[in-house]
Amino acid sequence: MHISDALDTSLVSLYGPTDNTRTRPLSASSKILCSQNDCYCNCYAFKTGEDFLLDKFGEDYCMKDITPSNVLSALESIIG
């Protein structure tokens, strides 16, 4: 993602527990999709470890709000 952004290439970035305001692509042509779950940007994994997160929420919790249709829509908006 960072290399693509540095080369000003359009991209779609997916964010689960990561704070997208700190690591987002800066290119105006890029799209950001964020999972807005209960612990968004206050991730338990960073505080308690991934094992705790998996036990508490399950494997797909951090990314489950980003659907394939969301990704396809973002790609279509870039491609035109």
N, C-alpha and C. Protein backbone atom coordinates (compact mmCIF):
# COMPACT_ATOMS: atom_id res chain seq x y z
N MET A 1 0.82 -1.18 0.00
CA MET A 1 0.00 0.00 0.00
C MET A 1 0.87 1.25 0.00
N HIS A 2 1.89 1.28 0.84
CA HIS A 2 2.71 2.48 0.95
C HIS A 2 3.50 2.74 -0.33
N ILE A 3 3.98 1.68 -0.97
CA ILE A 3 4.71 1.85 -2.23
C ILE A 3 3.76 2.34 -3.31
N SER A 4 2.60 1.74 -3.40
CA SER A 4 1.61 2.17 -4.38
C SER A 4 1.23 3.63 -4.17
N ASP A 5 1.06 4.01 -2.93
CA ASP A 5 0.73 5.39 -2.62
C ASP A 5 1.88 6.33 -2.98
N ALA A 6 3.09 5.93 -2.70
CA ALA A 6 4.26 6.75 -3.03
C ALA A 6 4.37 6.97 -4.54
N LEU A 7 3.93 5.98 -5.32
CA LEU A 7 3.95 6.08 -6.77
C LEU A 7 2.68 6.72 -7.32
N ASP A 8 1.83 7.22 -6.42
CA ASP A 8 0.56 7.87 -6.78
C ASP A 8 -0.34 6.98 -7.64
N THR A 9 -0.37 5.70 -7.27
CA THR A 9 -1.23 4.73 -7.93
C THR A 9 -2.52 4.60 -7.14
N SER A 10 -3.64 4.59 -7.84
CA SER A 10 -4.93 4.44 -7.17
C SER A 10 -4.99 3.09 -6.47
N LEU A 11 -5.57 3.08 -5.27
CA LEU A 11 -5.69 1.83 -4.53
C LEU A 11 -6.87 1.91 -3.57
N VAL A 12 -7.29 0.75 -3.11
CA VAL A 12 -8.32 0.64 -2.08
C VAL A 12 -7.66 0.01 -0.86
N SER A 13 -7.67 0.72 0.26
CA SER A 13 -7.07 0.25 1.50
C SER A 13 -8.17 -0.21 2.45
N LEU A 14 -7.97 -1.36 3.05
CA LEU A 14 -8.93 -1.92 4.00
C LEU A 14 -8.36 -1.81 5.41
N TYR A 15 -9.14 -1.23 6.30
CA TYR A 15 -8.71 -1.05 7.69
C TYR A 15 -9.71 -1.69 8.64
N GLY A 16 -9.20 -2.52 9.51
CA GLY A 16 -10.00 -3.11 10.58
C GLY A 16 -9.66 -2.40 11.87
N PRO A 17 -8.76 -2.97 12.66
CA PRO A 17 -8.43 -2.36 13.94
C PRO A 17 -7.40 -1.24 13.84
N THR A 18 -6.77 -1.08 12.69
CA THR A 18 -5.72 -0.07 12.54
C THR A 18 -6.33 1.32 12.40
N ASP A 19 -5.70 2.29 13.02
CA ASP A 19 -6.14 3.68 12.94
C ASP A 19 -5.78 4.23 11.57
N ASN A 20 -6.77 4.38 10.71
CA ASN A 20 -6.50 4.82 9.34
C ASN A 20 -6.03 6.26 9.26
N THR A 21 -6.23 7.04 10.28
CA THR A 21 -5.76 8.43 10.24
C THR A 21 -4.24 8.51 10.37
N ARG A 22 -3.63 7.44 10.84
CA ARG A 22 -2.17 7.43 11.01
C ARG A 22 -1.44 6.78 9.84
N THR A 23 -2.08 5.82 9.18
CA THR A 23 -1.36 5.05 8.16
C THR A 23 -2.06 5.06 6.80
N ARG A 24 -2.99 5.93 6.61
CA ARG A 24 -3.78 5.94 5.37
C ARG A 24 -2.93 6.36 4.17
N PRO A 25 -3.38 5.98 2.97
CA PRO A 25 -2.71 6.48 1.77
C PRO A 25 -3.03 7.97 1.61
N LEU A 26 -2.11 8.72 1.08
CA LEU A 26 -2.28 10.16 0.94
C LEU A 26 -2.73 10.58 -0.46
N SER A 27 -2.66 9.67 -1.40
CA SER A 27 -3.06 9.96 -2.77
C SER A 27 -4.55 10.30 -2.83
N ALA A 28 -4.88 11.35 -3.55
CA ALA A 28 -6.28 11.76 -3.68
C ALA A 28 -7.12 10.73 -4.42
N SER A 29 -6.47 9.90 -5.22
CA SER A 29 -7.21 8.89 -6.00
C SER A 29 -7.43 7.59 -5.23
N SER A 30 -6.95 7.50 -4.02
CA SER A 30 -7.11 6.29 -3.21
C SER A 30 -8.41 6.32 -2.42
N LYS A 31 -8.91 5.14 -2.13
CA LYS A 31 -10.13 4.97 -1.33
C LYS A 31 -9.78 4.21 -0.06
N ILE A 32 -10.46 4.56 1.03
CA ILE A 32 -10.25 3.89 2.31
C ILE A 32 -11.57 3.28 2.76
N LEU A 33 -11.55 2.01 3.13
CA LEU A 33 -12.71 1.34 3.70
C LEU A 33 -12.37 0.93 5.12
N CYS A 34 -13.22 1.30 6.07
CA CYS A 34 -12.96 1.02 7.48
C CYS A 34 -14.06 0.17 8.08
N SER A 35 -13.67 -0.77 8.89
CA SER A 35 -14.62 -1.54 9.67
C SER A 35 -14.93 -0.73 10.92
N GLN A 36 -16.17 -0.42 11.14
CA GLN A 36 -16.56 0.44 12.26
C GLN A 36 -17.20 -0.39 13.37
N ASN A 37 -16.44 -1.33 13.91
CA ASN A 37 -16.98 -2.16 14.98
C ASN A 37 -16.78 -1.48 16.35
N ASP A 38 -17.16 -2.18 17.41
CA ASP A 38 -17.14 -1.60 18.76
C ASP A 38 -15.77 -1.12 19.23
N CYS A 39 -14.72 -1.77 18.79
CA CYS A 39 -13.40 -1.40 19.30
C CYS A 39 -12.57 -0.66 18.25
N TYR A 40 -13.21 -0.11 17.24
CA TYR A 40 -12.52 0.61 16.18
C TYR A 40 -11.62 1.71 16.75
N CYS A 41 -10.39 1.73 16.32
CA CYS A 41 -9.36 2.70 16.75
C CYS A 41 -9.09 2.67 18.24
N ASN A 42 -9.58 1.66 18.92
CA ASN A 42 -9.28 1.47 20.33
C ASN A 42 -9.03 -0.03 20.50
N CYS A 43 -8.24 -0.54 19.61
CA CYS A 43 -8.13 -1.99 19.44
C CYS A 43 -7.61 -2.71 20.67
N TYR A 44 -8.37 -3.72 21.06
CA TYR A 44 -7.97 -4.58 22.16
C TYR A 44 -6.69 -5.35 21.84
N ALA A 45 -6.47 -5.67 20.55
CA ALA A 45 -5.29 -6.46 20.17
C ALA A 45 -4.00 -5.74 20.52
N PHE A 46 -4.00 -4.43 20.39
CA PHE A 46 -2.80 -3.67 20.70
C PHE A 46 -2.57 -3.59 22.21
N LYS A 47 -3.64 -3.70 22.99
CA LYS A 47 -3.54 -3.58 24.44
C LYS A 47 -3.37 -4.93 25.13
N THR A 48 -4.04 -5.94 24.61
CA THR A 48 -4.09 -7.22 25.31
C THR A 48 -3.53 -8.39 24.50
N GLY A 49 -3.26 -8.20 23.23
CA GLY A 49 -2.73 -9.25 22.38
C GLY A 49 -3.80 -9.88 21.49
N GLU A 50 -3.36 -10.45 20.40
CA GLU A 50 -4.27 -11.03 19.42
C GLU A 50 -5.04 -12.22 19.96
N ASP A 51 -4.43 -13.02 20.83
CA ASP A 51 -5.13 -14.18 21.38
C ASP A 51 -6.37 -13.77 22.15
N PHE A 52 -6.27 -12.71 22.93
CA PHE A 52 -7.43 -12.20 23.66
C PHE A 52 -8.52 -11.75 22.70
N LEU A 53 -8.12 -11.06 21.66
CA LEU A 53 -9.07 -10.57 20.66
C LEU A 53 -9.80 -11.72 19.98
N LEU A 54 -9.07 -12.76 19.60
CA LEU A 54 -9.68 -13.92 18.97
C LEU A 54 -10.65 -14.63 19.91
N ASP A 55 -10.27 -14.78 21.18
CA ASP A 55 -11.15 -15.43 22.15
C ASP A 55 -12.41 -14.61 22.40
N LYS A 56 -12.27 -13.30 22.46
CA LYS A 56 -13.40 -12.43 22.78
C LYS A 56 -14.36 -12.24 21.61
N PHE A 57 -13.81 -12.05 20.40
CA PHE A 57 -14.66 -11.66 19.26
C PHE A 57 -14.71 -12.66 18.11
N GLY A 58 -13.74 -13.55 18.00
CA GLY A 58 -13.69 -14.46 16.86
C GLY A 58 -12.80 -13.92 15.76
N GLU A 59 -12.58 -14.76 14.76
CA GLU A 59 -11.59 -14.47 13.73
C GLU A 59 -11.92 -13.30 12.83
N ASP A 60 -13.16 -13.12 12.46
CA ASP A 60 -13.49 -12.13 11.44
C ASP A 60 -13.99 -10.79 11.99
N TYR A 61 -13.98 -10.62 13.28
CA TYR A 61 -14.61 -9.44 13.88
C TYR A 61 -14.05 -8.12 13.36
N CYS A 62 -12.75 -8.02 13.27
CA CYS A 62 -12.13 -6.74 12.91
C CYS A 62 -12.40 -6.29 11.48
N MET A 63 -12.74 -7.21 10.61
CA MET A 63 -12.92 -6.86 9.20
C MET A 63 -14.33 -7.15 8.68
N LYS A 64 -15.21 -7.67 9.52
CA LYS A 64 -16.49 -8.16 9.01
C LYS A 64 -17.40 -7.08 8.45
N ASP A 65 -17.21 -5.83 8.83
CA ASP A 65 -18.06 -4.76 8.31
C ASP A 65 -17.67 -4.32 6.90
N ILE A 66 -16.53 -4.77 6.43
CA ILE A 66 -16.12 -4.46 5.06
C ILE A 66 -16.55 -5.63 4.18
N THR A 67 -17.55 -5.40 3.37
CA THR A 67 -18.10 -6.47 2.55
C THR A 67 -17.48 -6.47 1.16
N PRO A 68 -17.56 -7.59 0.47
CA PRO A 68 -17.07 -7.63 -0.91
C PRO A 68 -17.74 -6.56 -1.78
N SER A 69 -19.02 -6.31 -1.55
CA SER A 69 -19.70 -5.28 -2.36
C SER A 69 -19.15 -3.88 -2.07
N ASN A 70 -18.73 -3.64 -0.80
CA ASN A 70 -18.08 -2.36 -0.49
C ASN A 70 -16.78 -2.21 -1.28
N VAL A 71 -16.01 -3.28 -1.33
CA VAL A 71 -14.73 -3.25 -2.03
C VAL A 71 -14.96 -3.06 -3.53
N LEU A 72 -15.91 -3.79 -4.09
CA LEU A 72 -16.21 -3.65 -5.52
C LEU A 72 -16.68 -2.24 -5.86
N SER A 73 -17.51 -1.66 -5.02
CA SER A 73 -17.97 -0.29 -5.25
C SER A 73 -16.81 0.70 -5.24
N ALA A 74 -15.89 0.52 -4.29
CA ALA A 74 -14.73 1.40 -4.21
C ALA A 74 -13.86 1.24 -5.46
N LEU A 75 -13.66 0.00 -5.90
CA LEU A 75 -12.87 -0.24 -7.11
C LEU A 75 -13.54 0.37 -8.33
N GLU A 76 -14.84 0.20 -8.44
CA GLU A 76 -15.58 0.76 -9.57
C GLU A 76 -15.48 2.29 -9.60
N SER A 77 -15.48 2.91 -8.43
CA SER A 77 -15.38 4.37 -8.40
C SER A 77 -13.99 4.84 -8.85
N ILE A 78 -12.98 4.02 -8.65
CA ILE A 78 -11.64 4.35 -9.12
C ILE A 78 -11.51 4.11 -10.62
N ILE A 79 -12.03 2.98 -11.06
CA ILE A 79 -11.88 2.58 -12.46
C ILE A 79 -12.77 3.43 -13.37
N GLY A 80 -13.95 3.74 -12.85
CA GLY A 80 -14.86 4.59 -13.61
C GLY A 80 -15.88 3.86 -14.32
